[in-house]
Protein backbone atom coordinates (compact mmCIF):
# COMPACT_ATOMS: atom_id res chain seq x y z
CA MET A 1 277.49 12.69 199.64
CA VAL A 2 277.79 16.43 200.92
CA ASP A 3 279.65 15.01 203.85
CA TRP A 4 282.14 12.96 201.49
CA SER A 5 285.40 13.89 199.64
CA VAL A 6 287.99 12.08 198.02
CA ASN A 7 290.20 12.27 201.11
CA SER A 8 287.88 12.19 203.88
CA TRP A 9 288.94 8.53 204.67
CA ARG A 10 292.27 10.18 206.21
CA ASN A 11 290.16 11.11 209.12
CA PHE A 12 289.13 7.49 210.00
CA PRO A 13 290.75 4.70 211.66
CA ILE A 14 292.48 2.37 209.17
CA LYS A 15 293.93 -1.29 209.06
CA GLN A 16 296.13 -3.47 206.78
CA VAL A 17 298.14 -0.44 205.47
CA PRO A 18 301.84 -0.02 205.74
CA GLU A 19 303.92 2.50 207.84
CA TYR A 20 306.19 4.29 205.70
CA SER A 21 309.45 5.78 207.38
CA ASP A 22 309.85 8.59 204.64
CA LYS A 23 306.49 10.55 204.92
CA VAL A 24 307.97 13.19 202.29
CA LYS A 25 308.65 10.39 199.63
CA VAL A 26 304.93 9.29 200.25
CA VAL A 27 303.71 12.66 199.44
CA ASN A 28 305.81 12.97 196.23
CA VAL A 29 304.50 9.61 195.04
CA GLU A 30 300.87 10.45 195.60
CA LYS A 31 301.36 13.71 193.79
CA GLU A 32 303.09 11.98 191.00
CA LEU A 33 300.09 9.40 190.62
CA SER A 34 297.61 12.24 190.90
CA LEU A 35 299.00 13.82 187.50
CA ARG A 36 299.15 10.46 185.76
CA PRO A 37 296.22 9.49 183.14
CA PRO A 38 293.47 7.26 184.61
CA LEU A 39 293.88 3.48 183.96
CA VAL A 40 290.12 3.04 183.33
CA PHE A 41 287.51 5.46 182.35
CA ALA A 42 284.16 6.48 183.98
CA GLU A 43 282.05 5.15 181.19
CA GLU A 44 283.50 1.75 181.45
CA ALA A 45 282.84 1.56 185.11
CA ARG A 46 279.34 2.80 184.54
CA ARG A 47 278.94 -0.17 181.87
CA LEU A 48 280.22 -2.75 184.25
CA ARG A 49 277.54 -1.31 186.94
CA LYS A 50 274.91 -2.01 184.29
CA ARG A 51 276.22 -5.60 183.89
CA MET A 52 276.42 -6.14 187.42
CA ALA A 53 272.67 -5.13 187.84
CA ASP A 54 272.06 -7.88 185.45
CA VAL A 55 273.91 -10.15 187.59
CA ALA A 56 271.88 -8.94 190.70
CA GLU A 57 268.94 -9.68 188.87
CA GLY A 58 269.66 -13.19 187.53
CA LYS A 59 269.97 -12.06 184.15
CA ALA A 60 273.82 -12.62 183.96
CA PHE A 61 276.38 -14.81 185.56
CA LEU A 62 279.56 -13.21 187.19
CA LEU A 63 282.97 -14.92 186.47
CA GLN A 64 285.80 -13.04 188.53
CA GLY A 65 289.11 -14.62 188.77
CA GLY A 66 292.78 -14.04 188.69
CA ASP A 67 295.90 -14.03 190.84
CA CYS A 68 296.05 -14.17 194.62
CA ALA A 69 298.36 -11.39 194.31
CA GLU A 70 300.20 -10.21 191.17
CA SER A 71 303.93 -9.93 191.28
CA PHE A 72 306.60 -7.77 189.49
CA ALA A 73 308.64 -10.98 188.65
CA GLU A 74 305.76 -12.77 186.87
CA HIS A 75 304.47 -9.75 185.07
CA ASN A 76 304.76 -10.79 181.36
CA ALA A 77 303.07 -10.97 178.31
CA ASN A 78 302.75 -14.82 178.42
CA ASN A 79 301.48 -14.93 181.79
CA ILE A 80 298.66 -12.38 181.02
CA ARG A 81 297.69 -14.02 177.97
CA ASP A 82 297.46 -17.56 179.54
CA SER A 83 295.17 -16.12 182.48
CA PHE A 84 292.95 -14.20 180.25
CA ARG A 85 292.77 -17.22 177.85
CA VAL A 86 291.55 -19.31 180.67
CA LEU A 87 288.95 -16.92 181.94
CA LEU A 88 287.66 -16.83 178.40
CA GLN A 89 287.48 -20.62 178.13
CA MET A 90 285.76 -20.75 181.39
CA ALA A 91 283.17 -18.12 180.13
CA VAL A 92 282.28 -20.21 176.96
CA VAL A 93 281.38 -23.21 179.15
CA LEU A 94 279.42 -21.12 181.66
CA THR A 95 277.49 -19.38 178.94
CA PHE A 96 276.44 -22.70 177.48
CA GLY A 97 275.84 -24.22 180.82
CA SER A 98 273.46 -21.21 182.38
CA ALA A 99 272.31 -19.86 178.85
CA LEU A 100 273.28 -16.53 180.40
CA PRO A 101 275.60 -13.82 179.41
CA VAL A 102 278.82 -14.12 181.52
CA VAL A 103 280.40 -10.94 183.09
CA LYS A 104 284.24 -11.41 183.01
CA ILE A 105 286.11 -9.64 185.42
CA GLY A 106 289.87 -10.08 186.24
CA ARG A 107 291.79 -10.01 189.30
CA LEU A 108 294.32 -8.37 187.26
CA ALA A 109 296.18 -5.09 186.56
CA GLY A 110 296.20 -3.83 190.35
CA GLN A 111 295.82 -6.94 192.64
CA TYR A 112 299.49 -6.35 193.78
CA SER A 113 298.86 -5.88 197.73
CA LYS A 114 297.35 -8.31 200.39
CA PRO A 115 296.11 -8.01 203.77
CA ARG A 116 297.83 -10.27 206.30
CA SER A 117 296.58 -11.75 209.56
CA SER A 118 299.83 -10.69 211.47
CA PRO A 119 301.84 -7.43 210.90
CA PHE A 120 305.10 -9.61 211.46
CA GLU A 121 306.56 -12.76 210.30
CA ILE A 122 309.19 -14.61 212.29
CA ILE A 123 311.67 -16.98 211.01
CA GLY A 124 313.89 -18.61 213.54
CA ASP A 125 314.65 -15.82 215.90
CA ILE A 126 314.28 -13.08 213.47
CA GLU A 127 311.11 -10.74 213.36
CA LEU A 128 310.49 -8.65 210.25
CA PRO A 129 307.35 -6.82 208.85
CA SER A 130 305.14 -9.28 206.80
CA TYR A 131 305.17 -9.35 203.06
CA ARG A 132 302.15 -7.39 201.91
CA GLY A 133 302.65 -7.82 198.23
CA ASP A 134 304.75 -6.27 195.78
CA MET A 135 302.86 -2.93 196.18
CA VAL A 136 304.27 -2.50 199.54
CA ASN A 137 307.34 -4.48 199.88
CA ASP A 138 309.43 -7.64 198.83
CA MET A 139 308.89 -11.30 199.45
CA GLU A 140 312.53 -11.88 200.26
CA PHE A 141 313.16 -12.30 204.00
CA ASN A 142 315.64 -9.50 205.05
CA LYS A 143 315.29 -5.91 206.49
CA ASN A 144 315.77 -4.04 203.46
CA ALA A 145 313.38 -6.16 201.30
CA ARG A 146 310.45 -6.01 204.00
CA GLU A 147 310.75 -2.10 204.30
CA PRO A 148 307.66 -0.57 202.99
CA ASN A 149 308.70 1.52 199.97
CA PRO A 150 306.12 4.01 198.46
CA GLU A 151 307.98 4.20 195.16
CA ARG A 152 306.32 0.62 194.37
CA LEU A 153 303.15 2.47 193.91
CA ILE A 154 304.29 4.04 190.75
CA LYS A 155 305.71 0.66 189.54
CA VAL A 156 302.22 -0.75 190.14
CA TYR A 157 300.57 1.82 188.10
CA ASP A 158 303.26 1.35 185.42
CA LYS A 159 302.63 -2.53 185.35
CA SER A 160 298.76 -2.22 185.39
CA ALA A 161 298.92 0.23 182.49
CA SER A 162 300.65 -2.16 180.46
CA THR A 163 298.54 -5.16 181.60
CA LEU A 164 295.28 -3.15 180.75
CA ASN A 165 296.87 -2.21 177.11
CA LEU A 166 297.30 -5.90 176.44
CA LEU A 167 293.91 -6.94 177.89
CA ARG A 168 292.30 -4.60 175.74
CA ALA A 169 294.06 -5.70 172.58
CA PHE A 170 293.35 -9.47 173.28
CA ALA A 171 289.68 -8.73 174.14
CA SER A 172 289.04 -6.99 170.75
CA GLY A 173 292.00 -8.53 168.50
CA GLY A 174 290.47 -12.08 167.92
CA MET A 175 291.97 -13.99 170.83
CA ALA A 176 288.30 -13.99 172.17
CA ASP A 177 287.05 -16.08 169.03
CA LEU A 178 284.56 -18.52 170.25
CA THR A 179 285.57 -21.30 167.88
CA LYS A 180 289.22 -20.91 168.97
CA LEU A 181 288.49 -21.14 172.58
CA HIS A 182 286.40 -24.12 172.06
CA GLU A 183 289.09 -25.81 170.49
CA TRP A 184 291.19 -25.42 173.62
CA ASN A 185 288.40 -26.53 175.83
CA LEU A 186 288.37 -29.74 173.34
CA GLU A 187 292.08 -30.30 174.33
CA PHE A 188 291.16 -30.24 178.11
CA VAL A 189 288.49 -32.94 177.55
CA ARG A 190 290.98 -35.28 175.63
CA GLY A 191 292.49 -38.28 177.71
CA THR A 192 290.10 -37.67 180.71
CA LYS A 193 288.24 -41.06 180.79
CA GLU A 194 286.35 -39.96 184.04
CA ALA A 195 285.16 -36.76 182.51
CA GLU A 196 282.27 -38.08 180.22
CA LYS A 197 279.97 -35.28 181.06
CA TYR A 198 282.45 -32.94 179.99
CA LYS A 199 282.81 -34.57 176.68
CA ASN A 200 278.96 -34.44 176.27
CA LEU A 201 278.89 -30.65 177.09
CA ALA A 202 281.77 -29.93 174.70
CA ALA A 203 279.72 -31.85 171.95
CA GLN A 204 276.84 -29.75 172.58
CA ILE A 205 278.77 -26.63 172.19
CA THR A 206 280.26 -27.81 168.97
CA SER A 207 276.78 -28.51 167.67
CA SER A 208 275.77 -24.95 168.58
CA LEU A 209 278.72 -23.38 166.81
CA GLU A 210 278.12 -25.47 163.72
CA PHE A 211 274.58 -24.37 163.68
CA MET A 212 275.56 -20.61 163.95
CA ASN A 213 278.05 -21.25 161.08
CA ALA A 214 275.41 -22.86 158.87
CA CYS A 215 273.13 -19.99 159.54
CA GLY A 216 276.01 -17.54 158.35
CA MET A 217 277.00 -16.36 161.83
CA THR A 218 280.99 -16.59 161.79
CA PRO A 219 283.70 -14.62 163.55
CA GLU A 220 284.38 -12.74 160.36
CA ASN A 221 280.88 -11.25 160.08
CA THR A 222 279.56 -11.31 163.70
CA PRO A 223 281.83 -9.12 166.21
CA GLN A 224 280.14 -10.90 169.04
CA LEU A 225 281.71 -14.22 168.09
CA ARG A 226 285.43 -12.71 168.04
CA GLU A 227 285.26 -10.07 170.54
CA THR A 228 284.33 -9.58 174.28
CA GLU A 229 284.19 -7.22 177.21
CA PHE A 230 286.42 -7.72 179.81
CA TYR A 231 286.80 -5.76 183.05
CA THR A 232 289.48 -5.54 185.99
CA SER A 233 289.30 -5.43 189.69
CA HIS A 234 291.30 -5.61 192.91
CA GLU A 235 290.95 -5.29 196.46
CA GLY A 236 290.99 -1.46 197.30
CA LEU A 237 293.49 -1.80 199.95
CA LEU A 238 296.04 1.23 199.91
CA LEU A 239 293.77 4.12 200.05
CA ASN A 240 296.27 6.62 199.11
CA TYR A 241 296.94 5.10 195.90
CA GLU A 242 293.19 4.85 195.08
CA GLU A 243 292.79 8.39 196.29
CA ALA A 244 295.40 9.52 193.78
CA LEU A 245 293.76 7.95 190.99
CA THR A 246 290.24 8.94 191.71
CA ARG A 247 288.76 11.35 189.09
CA LYS A 248 285.53 13.26 188.92
CA ASP A 249 283.51 12.67 186.02
CA THR A 250 282.55 16.00 184.48
CA ILE A 251 281.36 14.75 180.88
CA THR A 252 278.24 12.97 181.69
CA GLU A 253 275.17 14.32 183.53
CA GLU A 254 275.63 11.58 186.16
CA LYS A 255 278.90 13.11 187.07
CA GLY A 256 280.48 11.63 190.40
CA TRP A 257 283.68 10.43 191.65
CA PHE A 258 285.19 7.29 189.98
CA ALA A 259 288.21 5.20 190.96
CA THR A 260 290.19 4.91 187.86
CA SER A 261 292.69 2.30 188.95
CA ALA A 262 290.27 -0.57 188.03
CA HIS A 263 286.57 -0.85 186.91
CA MET A 264 285.70 -2.55 190.32
CA LEU A 265 287.12 -2.45 193.63
CA TRP A 266 286.16 -4.68 196.73
CA ILE A 267 286.48 -4.40 200.52
CA GLY A 268 288.19 -7.27 202.27
CA ASP A 269 286.77 -9.14 205.10
CA ARG A 270 289.46 -7.65 207.50
CA THR A 271 288.73 -3.88 206.47
CA ARG A 272 284.99 -3.70 206.47
CA ALA A 273 284.40 -2.14 209.81
CA ILE A 274 281.67 0.40 209.27
CA ASP A 275 283.38 3.19 211.02
CA GLU A 276 286.81 2.94 209.32
CA ALA A 277 288.78 4.37 206.45
CA HIS A 278 287.87 1.77 203.67
CA ILE A 279 284.14 1.88 204.04
CA GLU A 280 284.42 5.75 204.15
CA TYR A 281 286.29 5.88 200.81
CA MET A 282 284.14 3.25 198.87
CA ARG A 283 280.96 4.79 199.89
CA GLY A 284 281.74 7.89 197.83
CA ILE A 285 283.00 6.36 194.43
CA ALA A 286 280.59 5.74 191.73
CA ASN A 287 282.15 2.26 190.68
CA PRO A 288 280.42 -0.99 191.31
CA ILE A 289 282.06 -2.27 194.35
CA GLY A 290 282.16 -5.57 196.30
CA LEU A 291 282.25 -6.54 199.95
CA LYS A 292 283.74 -9.77 201.33
CA CYS A 293 281.51 -11.38 203.86
CA GLY A 294 283.20 -14.06 206.01
CA PRO A 295 282.03 -16.38 208.92
CA SER A 296 282.28 -13.43 211.43
CA THR A 297 279.86 -11.21 209.51
CA ASP A 298 276.72 -10.30 211.62
CA PRO A 299 273.51 -10.05 209.71
CA ASP A 300 272.54 -6.67 211.20
CA ASP A 301 276.04 -5.33 210.77
CA LEU A 302 275.83 -6.43 207.05
CA LEU A 303 272.58 -4.44 206.59
CA ARG A 304 273.87 -1.58 207.94
CA LEU A 305 277.13 -1.81 205.65
CA ILE A 306 274.86 -2.23 202.68
CA GLU A 307 272.84 0.81 203.63
CA LYS A 308 275.91 2.89 204.04
CA LEU A 309 277.71 1.74 200.65
CA ASN A 310 274.47 1.76 198.45
CA PRO A 311 272.25 4.46 200.14
CA LEU A 312 270.18 4.69 196.87
CA ASN A 313 269.55 1.15 196.88
CA GLN A 314 270.85 0.78 193.02
CA ALA A 315 271.04 -2.51 191.27
CA GLY A 316 274.78 -3.27 190.21
CA ARG A 317 276.33 -0.93 192.80
CA LEU A 318 277.17 -3.52 195.42
CA THR A 319 278.11 -7.47 195.10
CA LEU A 320 278.39 -9.42 198.27
CA ILE A 321 281.12 -11.97 198.07
CA ALA A 322 280.66 -14.96 200.44
CA ARG A 323 283.81 -16.75 201.69
CA MET A 324 282.71 -18.85 204.28
CA GLY A 325 284.63 -22.15 203.95
CA VAL A 326 283.21 -25.45 203.18
CA ASN A 327 282.11 -26.27 206.79
CA ASP A 328 280.37 -23.07 207.33
CA ILE A 329 278.76 -22.23 204.11
CA HIS A 330 275.17 -23.43 204.96
CA LYS A 331 275.13 -22.12 208.56
CA LYS A 332 276.67 -18.83 208.00
CA LEU A 333 275.53 -17.82 204.65
CA LYS A 334 271.94 -18.46 205.05
CA PRO A 335 271.13 -15.97 207.83
CA LEU A 336 273.04 -13.34 205.83
CA VAL A 337 270.96 -14.09 202.68
CA SER A 338 267.58 -14.23 204.80
CA ALA A 339 268.34 -10.95 206.38
CA VAL A 340 269.17 -9.16 202.99
CA LYS A 341 266.09 -10.60 201.29
CA LYS A 342 263.65 -9.39 204.16
CA SER A 343 265.26 -5.97 204.02
CA GLY A 344 264.43 -5.31 200.56
CA LEU A 345 267.92 -4.04 199.85
CA ILE A 346 269.34 -4.73 196.38
CA VAL A 347 272.64 -6.63 196.15
CA GLY A 348 274.30 -9.19 194.03
CA TRP A 349 275.61 -12.42 195.54
CA CYS A 350 278.94 -14.09 194.54
CA CYS A 351 280.76 -17.13 196.07
CA ASP A 352 284.47 -17.10 196.87
CA PRO A 353 285.15 -20.77 197.50
CA MET A 354 288.88 -20.09 197.95
CA HIS A 355 289.57 -18.01 201.05
CA GLY A 356 287.69 -20.09 203.71
CA ASN A 357 289.36 -23.32 202.43
CA THR A 358 293.13 -22.88 202.81
CA VAL A 359 294.85 -25.72 204.67
CA LYS A 360 298.56 -26.79 205.46
CA ALA A 361 299.69 -29.88 203.80
CA SER A 362 301.88 -32.29 205.37
CA SER A 363 304.85 -31.01 203.21
CA GLY A 364 304.35 -27.61 204.96
CA PHE A 365 302.82 -26.06 201.94
CA LYS A 366 299.46 -23.96 202.11
CA THR A 367 296.97 -25.46 199.67
CA ARG A 368 293.41 -25.93 198.88
CA LYS A 369 291.39 -28.90 197.83
CA MET A 370 289.22 -28.90 194.60
CA ASP A 371 286.69 -31.03 196.58
CA ASP A 372 286.17 -28.27 199.18
CA ILE A 373 286.28 -25.69 196.74
CA MET A 374 283.51 -27.30 194.65
CA THR A 375 281.59 -28.31 197.89
CA GLU A 376 281.28 -24.72 198.86
CA VAL A 377 280.24 -23.60 195.59
CA LYS A 378 277.38 -26.14 195.46
CA GLY A 379 276.48 -25.25 199.18
CA PHE A 380 276.43 -21.65 197.83
CA PHE A 381 273.75 -22.62 195.18
CA ASP A 382 271.86 -24.64 197.82
CA VAL A 383 271.24 -21.76 200.11
CA HIS A 384 270.00 -19.52 197.19
CA GLY A 385 268.00 -22.46 195.88
CA GLU A 386 266.18 -22.58 199.54
CA MET A 387 265.98 -18.94 199.83
CA ASN A 388 264.86 -18.29 196.05
CA THR A 389 267.46 -15.66 195.67
CA VAL A 390 270.17 -15.23 192.99
CA PRO A 391 273.40 -17.17 192.99
CA GLY A 392 275.09 -14.76 190.94
CA GLY A 393 278.63 -15.79 190.48
CA VAL A 394 282.04 -16.89 191.60
CA HIS A 395 285.12 -15.36 192.48
CA PHE A 396 288.26 -17.44 192.80
CA GLU A 397 292.04 -17.39 192.56
CA MET A 398 293.69 -18.99 189.47
CA THR A 399 296.52 -18.71 187.04
CA GLY A 400 296.85 -19.59 183.42
CA GLN A 401 300.15 -21.53 184.38
CA ASN A 402 300.66 -25.11 185.14
CA VAL A 403 301.31 -24.69 188.80
CA THR A 404 300.87 -27.41 191.56
CA GLU A 405 299.39 -25.28 194.40
CA CYS A 406 295.86 -26.72 194.91
CA VAL A 407 295.14 -30.47 195.53
CA GLY A 408 292.74 -32.59 193.26
CA GLY A 409 291.34 -32.47 190.06
CA VAL A 410 290.92 -34.65 186.80
CA TYR A 411 294.57 -34.60 186.43
CA ALA A 412 295.31 -34.78 190.03
CA VAL A 413 297.68 -32.73 192.07
CA SER A 414 298.67 -34.54 195.27
CA GLU A 415 300.20 -33.38 198.44
CA SER A 416 303.48 -34.98 197.57
CA ASN A 417 303.91 -32.92 194.42
CA LEU A 418 302.84 -29.60 195.58
CA GLY A 419 306.68 -28.65 195.63
CA ASP A 420 306.99 -29.35 191.91
CA ARG A 421 305.86 -25.97 190.63
CA TYR A 422 304.54 -24.08 193.63
CA HIS A 423 305.23 -20.40 192.38
CA THR A 424 302.37 -18.22 194.23
CA HIS A 425 303.66 -15.32 196.12
CA CYS A 426 300.83 -15.59 198.64
CA ASP A 427 297.92 -17.92 198.55
CA PRO A 428 297.44 -21.21 196.38
CA ARG A 429 295.96 -20.83 193.09
CA LEU A 430 294.01 -23.21 190.90
CA ASN A 431 295.96 -23.98 187.72
CA ALA A 432 294.58 -23.71 184.19
CA THR A 433 293.20 -27.25 183.98
CA GLN A 434 291.60 -27.06 187.50
CA SER A 435 289.94 -23.64 186.53
CA LEU A 436 288.49 -25.11 183.47
CA GLU A 437 287.38 -28.29 185.50
CA LEU A 438 285.73 -26.03 187.79
CA ALA A 439 283.86 -24.17 184.77
CA PHE A 440 282.46 -27.52 183.58
CA LEU A 441 281.37 -28.37 187.15
CA LEU A 442 279.47 -25.06 187.46
CA ALA A 443 278.00 -25.47 183.97
CA ASP A 444 276.62 -28.83 185.22
CA LEU A 445 275.47 -27.06 188.34
CA LEU A 446 273.70 -24.31 186.63
CA ALA A 447 272.25 -26.63 184.18
CA GLU A 448 270.78 -28.87 187.08
CA THR A 449 269.46 -25.91 188.84
CA ARG A 450 267.57 -24.67 185.98
CA GLY A 451 266.31 -28.29 185.38
CA LYS A 452 264.93 -28.88 188.90
CA VAL A 453 262.56 -26.08 188.64
CA GLY A 454 261.79 -26.16 185.00
CA LYS A 455 262.15 -22.61 184.28
CA PRO A 456 264.73 -19.97 183.10
CA PHE A 457 267.53 -19.32 185.72
CA SER A 458 266.64 -15.50 185.69
CA VAL A 459 263.11 -16.63 186.93
CA ILE A 460 264.01 -19.00 189.80
CA ALA A 461 266.48 -16.42 191.07
């Protein structure tokens, strides 16, 4: 990395970043951020890298989820608590279904910006800059609101710091108690006549918890039953923010530069050009990183990106997040998996079944269908089953709130009632019930995958 520096990305072309009118204010904000304490620590990121190595090798399963784009307006303790709780509930179900540890990563404490397909939005005869997330500008459609404001970066830092503080308290303060989480899961099961397999799985989890209790393993005397590891992630889009929060590890022998805005950053499908700024920045940090792979990803280009982002071929360093869409999952994913397998390059594989399945309902709302989401997840598993490779995890957009943004599910949301509680600032999210339903379906799929081959999941991977 002798040719890399924390600001070398500034010498490369860059996409999906705002044009600020006040350059002096930008410099002052960047300087202020560079003096702030890190949000996460190098050792935490290093620990996650080890966990992601287990994911790549089939020894753990990745659950990565959270808001499409966090917003200042919805930043409060109740919303953070509810999203955290749903992710933990899902993890309990997945752990039982896969018989594997579940690595839990939230799209939280930093996911305040979004790439856009167009730099401008037109309503009537008025054209204004697109809303790029609260990190950049405001959703309200007027000139002042849509003007990019660098001082929002400071606000993102403050909001992220308070979110992380609360998440750490939740993870170690009793909210992760397995017995309580399972009680909440039972509440989901009640009243769903068509969900008999969910009831059966819930009964099996109950038996396991009762067995552990009979053996003397309770939350009071076994920390693993009441505490958990929880990590944060976001798309590393605004590189001046990331640079300002990049720190050199001077404590351990490994040393290296770490992004301290989150434990894990990922590169979006629109910013993964190999000769551009986002790849340049990401190749130099020591965090575990993700790379979104869409239908336009070329196998040869992907191999070159992997070699550039993970030159030492380390397990846990790079996770490929496939976002193909229900119609392209088989034909687009298989060539990528095949090329990577033949190359001998070490990566983790994760399925994002959300971003390729956004449609517009007749009512005009953007939405996603639960059936499409689950079909893409199943297709992801099918491809890895055919290739004898590791289907390592899922990456999805959700909220703990009772929103009506995605269609379908056991408690069906229809197109006609999307407007009842449609609160997203960007793309449609699964609500708490739909998220938990996805977890039960995934658990069933994991168990089925293991049963077909008659050997542990980590071996078939």
